Amino acid sequence: MNTTLVKMENITKKFPGVLALDNVSFNLRSGEVHALLGENGAGKSTLMKVLSGVHVPNNGRIIFEGKEVVFDTPISAQEKGIAIIH
């Protein structure tokens, strides 16, 4: 059975003059592989930076292994096993 490991719900991220993410939801389940595709400026990198603690969302929530979490630094995400490899 594929258990939901990470759930991102209604993530919004604003920068001065730019709405980078507008109520984005994304789920990751055990055993799945995902690819984020889109045009430049679509928000792919911003979404992953929110997940990995580089950016804190303005709204929305991240649920990791059934518990709401706040990744406010990359280290806080890494402590849960989440990291982005560029």
C-alpha atoms as a PDB file:
ATOM      1  CA  MET A   1       0.000   0.000   0.000  1.00  0.00           C
ATOM      2  CA  ASN A   2       1.377   3.417  -0.956  1.00  0.00           C
ATOM      3  CA  THR A   3       1.385   5.634   2.100  1.00  0.00           C
ATOM      4  CA  THR A   4       1.409   9.409   1.651  1.00  0.00           C
ATOM      5  CA  LEU A   5       4.779  10.598   2.942  1.00  0.00           C
ATOM      6  CA  VAL A   6       4.587  14.289   2.080  1.00  0.00           C
ATOM      7  CA  LYS A   7       1.505  16.383   1.491  1.00  0.00           C
ATOM      8  CA  MET A   8       1.804  20.028   0.506  1.00  0.00           C
ATOM      9  CA  GLU A   9      -1.570  21.764   0.791  1.00  0.00           C
ATOM     10  CA  ASN A  10      -2.498  25.172  -0.643  1.00  0.00           C
ATOM     11  CA  ILE A  11       1.069  26.475  -0.689  1.00  0.00           C
ATOM     12  CA  THR A  12       1.334  30.160  -1.527  1.00  0.00           C
ATOM     13  CA  LYS A  13       4.649  31.979  -1.840  1.00  0.00           C
ATOM     14  CA  LYS A  14       4.922  35.686  -2.566  1.00  0.00           C
ATOM     15  CA  PHE A  15       7.989  37.747  -3.316  1.00  0.00           C
ATOM     16  CA  PRO A  16       7.957  41.525  -3.783  1.00  0.00           C
ATOM     17  CA  GLY A  17       5.861  42.090  -6.893  1.00  0.00           C
ATOM     18  CA  VAL A  18       5.574  38.361  -7.726  1.00  0.00           C
ATOM     19  CA  LEU A  19       3.088  35.659  -6.778  1.00  0.00           C
ATOM     20  CA  ALA A  20       5.336  32.632  -7.313  1.00  0.00           C
ATOM     21  CA  LEU A  21       2.961  29.936  -5.993  1.00  0.00           C
ATOM     22  CA  ASP A  22      -0.801  30.306  -5.703  1.00  0.00           C
ATOM     23  CA  ASN A  23      -2.521  27.592  -3.606  1.00  0.00           C
ATOM     24  CA  VAL A  24      -0.420  24.712  -4.957  1.00  0.00           C
ATOM     25  CA  SER A  25      -1.059  21.209  -3.600  1.00  0.00           C
ATOM     26  CA  PHE A  26       1.251  18.246  -4.175  1.00  0.00           C
ATOM     27  CA  ASN A  27       1.425  14.748  -2.669  1.00  0.00           C
ATOM     28  CA  LEU A  28       4.294  12.268  -2.597  1.00  0.00           C
ATOM     29  CA  ARG A  29       3.588   8.624  -1.800  1.00  0.00           C
ATOM     30  CA  SER A  30       5.937   5.804  -0.984  1.00  0.00           C
ATOM     31  CA  GLY A  31       7.296   4.152  -4.121  1.00  0.00           C
ATOM     32  CA  GLU A  32       6.313   6.949  -6.518  1.00  0.00           C
ATOM     33  CA  VAL A  33       8.582   8.925  -8.806  1.00  0.00           C
ATOM     34  CA  HIS A  34       7.571  12.416  -9.955  1.00  0.00           C
ATOM     35  CA  ALA A  35       8.867  14.908 -12.486  1.00  0.00           C
ATOM     36  CA  LEU A  36       7.924  18.571 -12.274  1.00  0.00           C
ATOM     37  CA  LEU A  37       7.652  20.039 -15.748  1.00  0.00           C
ATOM     38  CA  GLY A  38       6.698  23.517 -16.834  1.00  0.00           C
ATOM     39  CA  GLU A  39       7.785  26.729 -18.412  1.00  0.00           C
ATOM     40  CA  ASN A  40      10.329  29.069 -16.899  1.00  0.00           C
ATOM     41  CA  GLY A  41       8.679  30.928 -14.053  1.00  0.00           C
ATOM     42  CA  ALA A  42       6.010  28.267 -13.457  1.00  0.00           C
ATOM     43  CA  GLY A  43       7.094  27.763  -9.827  1.00  0.00           C
ATOM     44  CA  LYS A  44       8.825  24.367  -9.982  1.00  0.00           C
ATOM     45  CA  SER A  45      11.987  25.460  -8.196  1.00  0.00           C
ATOM     46  CA  THR A  46      10.080  27.605  -5.723  1.00  0.00           C
ATOM     47  CA  LEU A  47       7.869  24.670  -4.728  1.00  0.00           C
ATOM     48  CA  MET A  48      10.916  22.476  -4.148  1.00  0.00           C
ATOM     49  CA  LYS A  49      12.642  25.253  -2.198  1.00  0.00           C
ATOM     50  CA  VAL A  50       9.577  25.469   0.059  1.00  0.00           C
ATOM     51  CA  LEU A  51       9.678  21.702   0.575  1.00  0.00           C
ATOM     52  CA  SER A  52      13.407  21.763   1.333  1.00  0.00           C
ATOM     53  CA  GLY A  53      13.285  24.711   3.764  1.00  0.00           C
ATOM     54  CA  VAL A  54      14.969  27.343   1.592  1.00  0.00           C
ATOM     55  CA  HIS A  55      11.732  29.381   1.477  1.00  0.00           C
ATOM     56  CA  VAL A  56       8.929  29.486   4.044  1.00  0.00           C
ATOM     57  CA  PRO A  57       5.480  29.649   2.443  1.00  0.00           C
ATOM     58  CA  ASN A  58       3.224  32.639   3.089  1.00  0.00           C
ATOM     59  CA  ASN A  59       0.214  30.299   3.340  1.00  0.00           C
ATOM     60  CA  GLY A  60      -0.475  26.585   3.267  1.00  0.00           C
ATOM     61  CA  ARG A  61       0.955  23.667   5.133  1.00  0.00           C
ATOM     62  CA  ILE A  62       3.289  20.720   4.767  1.00  0.00           C
ATOM     63  CA  ILE A  63       2.391  17.393   6.311  1.00  0.00           C
ATOM     64  CA  PHE A  64       5.254  14.916   6.666  1.00  0.00           C
ATOM     65  CA  GLU A  65       4.489  11.347   7.730  1.00  0.00           C
ATOM     66  CA  GLY A  66       1.067  12.441   9.001  1.00  0.00           C
ATOM     67  CA  LYS A  67       2.265  15.414  11.067  1.00  0.00           C
ATOM     68  CA  GLU A  68       2.261  19.087  10.144  1.00  0.00           C
ATOM     69  CA  VAL A  69       5.801  20.435   9.945  1.00  0.00           C
ATOM     70  CA  VAL A  70       7.503  23.759   9.278  1.00  0.00           C
ATOM     71  CA  PHE A  71      10.757  23.599   7.374  1.00  0.00           C
ATOM     72  CA  ASP A  72      12.231  27.043   7.988  1.00  0.00           C
ATOM     73  CA  THR A  73      15.804  26.098   7.095  1.00  0.00           C
ATOM     74  CA  PRO A  74      17.347  23.467   4.834  1.00  0.00           C
ATOM     75  CA  ILE A  75      18.753  21.797   7.950  1.00  0.00           C
ATOM     76  CA  SER A  76      15.252  21.395   9.435  1.00  0.00           C
ATOM     77  CA  ALA A  77      14.160  19.609   6.233  1.00  0.00           C
ATOM     78  CA  GLN A  78      17.343  17.511   6.117  1.00  0.00           C
ATOM     79  CA  GLU A  79      16.701  16.323   9.663  1.00  0.00           C
ATOM     80  CA  LYS A  80      13.529  14.692   8.296  1.00  0.00           C
ATOM     81  CA  GLY A  81      15.401  13.270   5.292  1.00  0.00           C
ATOM     82  CA  ILE A  82      14.346  15.880   2.720  1.00  0.00           C
ATOM     83  CA  ALA A  83      17.065  17.443   0.591  1.00  0.00           C
ATOM     84  CA  ILE A  84      17.371  18.810  -2.926  1.00  0.00           C
ATOM     85  CA  ILE A  85      20.335  17.689  -4.981  1.00  0.00           C
ATOM     86  CA  HIS A  86      21.091  20.149  -7.774  1.00  0.00           C
END
